[in-house]
Amino acid sequence: MRTVCLLAVFAFALTACGDAGKSSAPVAEKTPAPVVTTTADSTAAAAALHRFFAWYNTNQEALGKFDITNDTGKHLQLNEKALAQYLAELKKSGVVSDEFVADETKFYQTCAKLWQTENIDDVPSGMGQDRMYCAQDYMGDYALAPVKVTVSGDRALASLMPVEDIKINFDLKKENGQWLLAKIKCDCGVAY
């Protein structure tokens, strides 16, 4: 057996040397091994989402004090200062990432552009429902709702199901060993 292995290695070396200097077809890159995630990652990501909604439920009334819009002109305007304060309060939940804050800022800035073509008396784009709940009406306690999590390395997709047949998706990311909310996958009717 040892002789067969040595002959195979010798034959390979001869063909490799004979091909020196010749161009060859590009070598396909190796596919990296899949990142192994644990059930603990899924559980921790789901817990982070539940913690956020427990915090949001408790602080929702206080968050209402941030009037992120100004309706004194012909069209609704975005109050950038109030938006920054509002997002800073969301960050205090302890499970919201800087990526989440940047995404929410982008969402509201896109809404503000749309408002410039809308009648001020109409429901403004993006403002017809609670953004965090992705709903107009109460659908149950999101802090207790079932969550299905798919983890891929340091990213996770969490599907929260507040009621049967309704699924709201969220992106989470793992930073410094902690799962943080990165994006609400609810566009509230606004492409951004």
C-alpha atoms as a PDB file:
ATOM      1  CA  MET A   1       0.000   0.000   0.000  1.00  0.00           C
ATOM      2  CA  ARG A   2       2.852   2.305   0.900  1.00  0.00           C
ATOM      3  CA  THR A   3       4.423   1.706  -2.516  1.00  0.00           C
ATOM      4  CA  VAL A   4       1.168   2.577  -4.296  1.00  0.00           C
ATOM      5  CA  CYS A   5       0.918   5.863  -2.380  1.00  0.00           C
ATOM      6  CA  LEU A   6       4.551   6.746  -3.149  1.00  0.00           C
ATOM      7  CA  LEU A   7       4.014   5.995  -6.855  1.00  0.00           C
ATOM      8  CA  ALA A   8       0.914   8.226  -6.918  1.00  0.00           C
ATOM      9  CA  VAL A   9       2.818  11.099  -5.314  1.00  0.00           C
ATOM     10  CA  PHE A  10       5.740  10.596  -7.737  1.00  0.00           C
ATOM     11  CA  ALA A  11       3.407  10.557 -10.780  1.00  0.00           C
ATOM     12  CA  PHE A  12       1.701  13.739  -9.566  1.00  0.00           C
ATOM     13  CA  ALA A  13       5.074  15.456  -9.101  1.00  0.00           C
ATOM     14  CA  LEU A  14       6.174  14.543 -12.625  1.00  0.00           C
ATOM     15  CA  THR A  15       3.006  15.927 -14.225  1.00  0.00           C
ATOM     16  CA  ALA A  16       3.158  19.045 -12.135  1.00  0.00           C
ATOM     17  CA  CYS A  17       6.743  19.713 -13.198  1.00  0.00           C
ATOM     18  CA  GLY A  18       5.898  19.067 -16.834  1.00  0.00           C
ATOM     19  CA  ASP A  19       3.195  21.756 -16.696  1.00  0.00           C
ATOM     20  CA  ALA A  20       5.486  24.463 -15.288  1.00  0.00           C
ATOM     21  CA  GLY A  21       5.231  27.689 -17.246  1.00  0.00           C
ATOM     22  CA  LYS A  22       2.050  26.666 -19.062  1.00  0.00           C
ATOM     23  CA  SER A  23      -1.096  28.653 -18.479  1.00  0.00           C
ATOM     24  CA  SER A  24      -4.000  26.743 -17.072  1.00  0.00           C
ATOM     25  CA  ALA A  25      -7.670  27.393 -16.564  1.00  0.00           C
ATOM     26  CA  PRO A  26      -8.484  29.422 -13.473  1.00  0.00           C
ATOM     27  CA  VAL A  27      -8.754  27.343 -10.376  1.00  0.00           C
ATOM     28  CA  ALA A  28     -12.090  27.600  -8.658  1.00  0.00           C
ATOM     29  CA  GLU A  29     -11.810  29.065  -5.196  1.00  0.00           C
ATOM     30  CA  LYS A  30     -12.566  26.743  -2.378  1.00  0.00           C
ATOM     31  CA  THR A  31     -15.876  27.305  -0.697  1.00  0.00           C
ATOM     32  CA  PRO A  32     -15.294  28.242   2.911  1.00  0.00           C
ATOM     33  CA  ALA A  33     -16.563  25.832   5.485  1.00  0.00           C
ATOM     34  CA  PRO A  34     -19.942  26.830   6.846  1.00  0.00           C
ATOM     35  CA  VAL A  35     -19.874  28.718  10.106  1.00  0.00           C
ATOM     36  CA  VAL A  36     -21.110  26.491  12.849  1.00  0.00           C
ATOM     37  CA  THR A  37     -23.624  28.175  15.080  1.00  0.00           C
ATOM     38  CA  THR A  38     -25.120  26.842  18.221  1.00  0.00           C
ATOM     39  CA  THR A  39     -28.612  26.661  19.567  1.00  0.00           C
ATOM     40  CA  ALA A  40     -27.311  29.102  22.172  1.00  0.00           C
ATOM     41  CA  ASP A  41     -26.857  31.702  19.386  1.00  0.00           C
ATOM     42  CA  SER A  42     -30.451  31.259  18.227  1.00  0.00           C
ATOM     43  CA  THR A  43     -31.737  31.440  21.779  1.00  0.00           C
ATOM     44  CA  ALA A  44     -29.667  34.540  22.552  1.00  0.00           C
ATOM     45  CA  ALA A  45     -30.793  36.317  19.373  1.00  0.00           C
ATOM     46  CA  ALA A  46     -34.452  35.576  20.153  1.00  0.00           C
ATOM     47  CA  ALA A  47     -33.938  36.786  23.726  1.00  0.00           C
ATOM     48  CA  ALA A  48     -32.423  40.049  22.441  1.00  0.00           C
ATOM     49  CA  LEU A  49     -35.496  40.660  20.289  1.00  0.00           C
ATOM     50  CA  HIS A  50     -37.793  39.905  23.235  1.00  0.00           C
ATOM     51  CA  ARG A  51     -35.757  42.245  25.488  1.00  0.00           C
ATOM     52  CA  PHE A  52     -36.100  45.026  22.942  1.00  0.00           C
ATOM     53  CA  PHE A  53     -39.881  44.674  22.824  1.00  0.00           C
ATOM     54  CA  ALA A  54     -40.163  44.415  26.612  1.00  0.00           C
ATOM     55  CA  TRP A  55     -38.229  47.697  26.774  1.00  0.00           C
ATOM     56  CA  TYR A  56     -40.287  49.228  23.951  1.00  0.00           C
ATOM     57  CA  ASN A  57     -43.574  48.246  25.607  1.00  0.00           C
ATOM     58  CA  THR A  58     -42.479  49.939  28.827  1.00  0.00           C
ATOM     59  CA  ASN A  59     -41.085  53.065  27.141  1.00  0.00           C
ATOM     60  CA  GLN A  60     -43.518  53.564  24.270  1.00  0.00           C
ATOM     61  CA  GLU A  61     -45.387  56.403  25.941  1.00  0.00           C
ATOM     62  CA  ALA A  62     -42.155  58.253  26.799  1.00  0.00           C
ATOM     63  CA  LEU A  63     -40.962  57.808  23.204  1.00  0.00           C
ATOM     64  CA  GLY A  64     -44.107  59.604  22.052  1.00  0.00           C
ATOM     65  CA  LYS A  65     -42.712  62.882  23.415  1.00  0.00           C
ATOM     66  CA  PHE A  66     -40.258  63.024  20.522  1.00  0.00           C
ATOM     67  CA  ASP A  67     -42.111  64.853  17.776  1.00  0.00           C
ATOM     68  CA  ILE A  68     -39.949  63.874  14.836  1.00  0.00           C
ATOM     69  CA  THR A  69     -42.178  65.760  12.407  1.00  0.00           C
ATOM     70  CA  ASN A  70     -42.981  69.428  11.929  1.00  0.00           C
ATOM     71  CA  ASP A  71     -46.359  70.238  10.390  1.00  0.00           C
ATOM     72  CA  THR A  72     -46.182  74.042  10.388  1.00  0.00           C
ATOM     73  CA  GLY A  73     -45.414  74.423   6.681  1.00  0.00           C
ATOM     74  CA  LYS A  74     -47.078  73.472   3.435  1.00  0.00           C
ATOM     75  CA  HIS A  75     -45.618  69.963   3.690  1.00  0.00           C
ATOM     76  CA  LEU A  76     -44.616  67.801   6.623  1.00  0.00           C
ATOM     77  CA  GLN A  77     -40.942  68.192   7.567  1.00  0.00           C
ATOM     78  CA  LEU A  78     -38.569  65.871   9.415  1.00  0.00           C
ATOM     79  CA  ASN A  79     -37.230  67.244  12.688  1.00  0.00           C
ATOM     80  CA  GLU A  80     -33.697  65.808  12.494  1.00  0.00           C
ATOM     81  CA  LYS A  81     -32.799  66.850  16.050  1.00  0.00           C
ATOM     82  CA  ALA A  82     -35.869  65.154  17.534  1.00  0.00           C
ATOM     83  CA  LEU A  83     -35.208  62.067  15.364  1.00  0.00           C
ATOM     84  CA  ALA A  84     -31.647  61.828  16.714  1.00  0.00           C
ATOM     85  CA  GLN A  85     -32.969  62.099  20.289  1.00  0.00           C
ATOM     86  CA  TYR A  86     -35.639  59.485  19.596  1.00  0.00           C
ATOM     87  CA  LEU A  87     -33.081  57.068  18.144  1.00  0.00           C
ATOM     88  CA  ALA A  88     -30.755  57.700  21.100  1.00  0.00           C
ATOM     89  CA  GLU A  89     -33.603  56.627  23.384  1.00  0.00           C
ATOM     90  CA  LEU A  90     -34.086  53.448  21.331  1.00  0.00           C
ATOM     91  CA  LYS A  91     -30.363  52.791  21.660  1.00  0.00           C
ATOM     92  CA  LYS A  92     -30.808  52.845  25.449  1.00  0.00           C
ATOM     93  CA  SER A  93     -32.680  49.563  25.143  1.00  0.00           C
ATOM     94  CA  GLY A  94     -29.251  47.938  25.090  1.00  0.00           C
ATOM     95  CA  VAL A  95     -30.089  45.690  22.137  1.00  0.00           C
ATOM     96  CA  VAL A  96     -30.089  48.204  19.274  1.00  0.00           C
ATOM     97  CA  SER A  97     -26.956  48.521  17.129  1.00  0.00           C
ATOM     98  CA  ASP A  98     -25.506  51.580  15.415  1.00  0.00           C
ATOM     99  CA  GLU A  99     -26.507  49.857  12.154  1.00  0.00           C
ATOM    100  CA  PHE A 100     -30.129  49.956  13.363  1.00  0.00           C
ATOM    101  CA  VAL A 101     -29.879  53.690  14.091  1.00  0.00           C
ATOM    102  CA  ALA A 102     -28.387  54.339  10.632  1.00  0.00           C
ATOM    103  CA  ASP A 103     -31.135  52.283   8.954  1.00  0.00           C
ATOM    104  CA  GLU A 104     -33.897  54.088  10.835  1.00  0.00           C
ATOM    105  CA  THR A 105     -32.340  57.458   9.942  1.00  0.00           C
ATOM    106  CA  LYS A 106     -32.299  56.449   6.274  1.00  0.00           C
ATOM    107  CA  PHE A 107     -35.937  55.334   6.469  1.00  0.00           C
ATOM    108  CA  TYR A 108     -37.156  58.628   7.940  1.00  0.00           C
ATOM    109  CA  GLN A 109     -35.039  60.729   5.563  1.00  0.00           C
ATOM    110  CA  THR A 110     -36.607  58.855   2.640  1.00  0.00           C
ATOM    111  CA  CYS A 111     -40.062  59.488   4.108  1.00  0.00           C
ATOM    112  CA  ALA A 112     -39.251  63.211   4.419  1.00  0.00           C
ATOM    113  CA  LYS A 113     -38.507  63.403   0.687  1.00  0.00           C
ATOM    114  CA  LEU A 114     -41.863  61.797  -0.092  1.00  0.00           C
ATOM    115  CA  TRP A 115     -43.682  64.197   2.220  1.00  0.00           C
ATOM    116  CA  GLN A 116     -42.658  67.090  -0.030  1.00  0.00           C
ATOM    117  CA  THR A 117     -45.133  65.894  -2.665  1.00  0.00           C
ATOM    118  CA  GLU A 118     -47.910  64.908  -0.261  1.00  0.00           C
ATOM    119  CA  ASN A 119     -50.828  66.903   1.052  1.00  0.00           C
ATOM    120  CA  ILE A 120     -50.166  67.773   4.685  1.00  0.00           C
ATOM    121  CA  ASP A 121     -53.683  66.654   5.638  1.00  0.00           C
ATOM    122  CA  ASP A 122     -53.133  63.101   4.329  1.00  0.00           C
ATOM    123  CA  VAL A 123     -51.462  60.286   6.263  1.00  0.00           C
ATOM    124  CA  PRO A 124     -47.773  60.835   5.497  1.00  0.00           C
ATOM    125  CA  SER A 125     -45.713  58.086   3.880  1.00  0.00           C
ATOM    126  CA  GLY A 126     -44.265  55.693   6.431  1.00  0.00           C
ATOM    127  CA  MET A 127     -46.314  57.071   9.313  1.00  0.00           C
ATOM    128  CA  GLY A 128     -49.523  55.035   9.032  1.00  0.00           C
ATOM    129  CA  GLN A 129     -48.462  52.416  11.582  1.00  0.00           C
ATOM    130  CA  ASP A 130     -46.152  51.812  14.521  1.00  0.00           C
ATOM    131  CA  ARG A 131     -42.790  51.219  12.888  1.00  0.00           C
ATOM    132  CA  MET A 132     -41.417  48.966  15.632  1.00  0.00           C
ATOM    133  CA  TYR A 133     -44.493  46.721  15.614  1.00  0.00           C
ATOM    134  CA  CYS A 134     -44.941  46.985  11.843  1.00  0.00           C
ATOM    135  CA  ALA A 135     -48.663  47.216  12.510  1.00  0.00           C
ATOM    136  CA  GLN A 136     -51.516  49.676  12.956  1.00  0.00           C
ATOM    137  CA  ASP A 137     -53.361  47.600  15.502  1.00  0.00           C
ATOM    138  CA  TYR A 138     -52.288  45.707  18.601  1.00  0.00           C
ATOM    139  CA  MET A 139     -51.382  42.123  17.709  1.00  0.00           C
ATOM    140  CA  GLY A 140     -50.251  40.831  21.079  1.00  0.00           C
ATOM    141  CA  ASP A 141     -47.200  41.163  23.260  1.00  0.00           C
ATOM    142  CA  TYR A 142     -44.164  41.021  20.987  1.00  0.00           C
ATOM    143  CA  ALA A 143     -41.969  40.491  24.054  1.00  0.00           C
ATOM    144  CA  LEU A 144     -43.603  37.080  24.488  1.00  0.00           C
ATOM    145  CA  ALA A 145     -44.342  36.151  20.868  1.00  0.00           C
ATOM    146  CA  PRO A 146     -42.756  33.060  19.308  1.00  0.00           C
ATOM    147  CA  VAL A 147     -39.555  33.738  17.384  1.00  0.00           C
ATOM    148  CA  LYS A 148     -37.807  31.594  14.792  1.00  0.00           C
ATOM    149  CA  VAL A 149     -34.133  32.469  14.332  1.00  0.00           C
ATOM    150  CA  THR A 150     -31.767  31.484  11.547  1.00  0.00           C
ATOM    151  CA  VAL A 151     -28.156  32.254  12.421  1.00  0.00           C
ATOM    152  CA  SER A 152     -25.327  32.587   9.917  1.00  0.00           C
ATOM    153  CA  GLY A 153     -22.085  33.537  11.611  1.00  0.00           C
ATOM    154  CA  ASP A 154     -22.503  36.899  13.314  1.00  0.00           C
ATOM    155  CA  ARG A 155     -25.814  37.686  11.548  1.00  0.00           C
ATOM    156  CA  ALA A 156     -29.287  36.361  12.243  1.00  0.00           C
ATOM    157  CA  LEU A 157     -32.732  36.617  10.715  1.00  0.00           C
ATOM    158  CA  ALA A 158     -35.441  36.531  13.358  1.00  0.00           C
ATOM    159  CA  SER A 159     -39.067  35.972  12.406  1.00  0.00           C
ATOM    160  CA  LEU A 160     -41.389  37.105  15.172  1.00  0.00           C
ATOM    161  CA  MET A 161     -44.936  35.745  15.036  1.00  0.00           C
ATOM    162  CA  PRO A 162     -47.228  37.893  17.223  1.00  0.00           C
ATOM    163  CA  VAL A 163     -50.336  36.110  15.917  1.00  0.00           C
ATOM    164  CA  GLU A 164     -50.921  33.063  13.761  1.00  0.00           C
ATOM    165  CA  ASP A 165     -50.072  33.543  10.070  1.00  0.00           C
ATOM    166  CA  ILE A 166     -48.298  36.874  10.638  1.00  0.00           C
ATOM    167  CA  LYS A 167     -44.524  37.005  10.584  1.00  0.00           C
ATOM    168  CA  ILE A 168     -42.389  40.126  11.062  1.00  0.00           C
ATOM    169  CA  ASN A 169     -38.704  39.828  10.202  1.00  0.00           C
ATOM    170  CA  PHE A 170     -35.740  41.462  11.883  1.00  0.00           C
ATOM    171  CA  ASP A 171     -32.019  41.381  11.195  1.00  0.00           C
ATOM    172  CA  LEU A 172     -29.730  40.988  14.184  1.00  0.00           C
ATOM    173  CA  LYS A 173     -25.982  41.085  14.445  1.00  0.00           C
ATOM    174  CA  LYS A 174     -23.573  39.798  17.046  1.00  0.00           C
ATOM    175  CA  GLU A 175     -21.144  42.389  18.393  1.00  0.00           C
ATOM    176  CA  ASN A 176     -18.735  41.690  21.225  1.00  0.00           C
ATOM    177  CA  GLY A 177     -20.607  38.481  22.022  1.00  0.00           C
ATOM    178  CA  GLN A 178     -24.004  40.192  22.262  1.00  0.00           C
ATOM    179  CA  TRP A 179     -26.915  40.019  19.790  1.00  0.00           C
ATOM    180  CA  LEU A 180     -28.215  43.438  18.719  1.00  0.00           C
ATOM    181  CA  LEU A 181     -31.146  44.501  16.568  1.00  0.00           C
ATOM    182  CA  ALA A 182     -29.789  45.700  13.192  1.00  0.00           C
ATOM    183  CA  LYS A 183     -32.907  46.262  11.074  1.00  0.00           C
ATOM    184  CA  ILE A 184     -36.671  46.042  11.131  1.00  0.00           C
ATOM    185  CA  LYS A 185     -37.590  44.377   7.867  1.00  0.00           C
ATOM    186  CA  CYS A 186     -40.788  46.388   7.583  1.00  0.00           C
ATOM    187  CA  ASP A 187     -40.783  49.194   5.046  1.00  0.00           C
ATOM    188  CA  CYS A 188     -44.159  50.695   6.097  1.00  0.00           C
ATOM    189  CA  GLY A 189     -44.874  51.188   2.396  1.00  0.00           C
ATOM    190  CA  VAL A 190     -41.676  53.170   1.742  1.00  0.00           C
ATOM    191  CA  ALA A 191     -38.952  51.800  -0.531  1.00  0.00           C
ATOM    192  CA  TYR A 192     -35.636  52.929   0.914  1.00  0.00           C
END
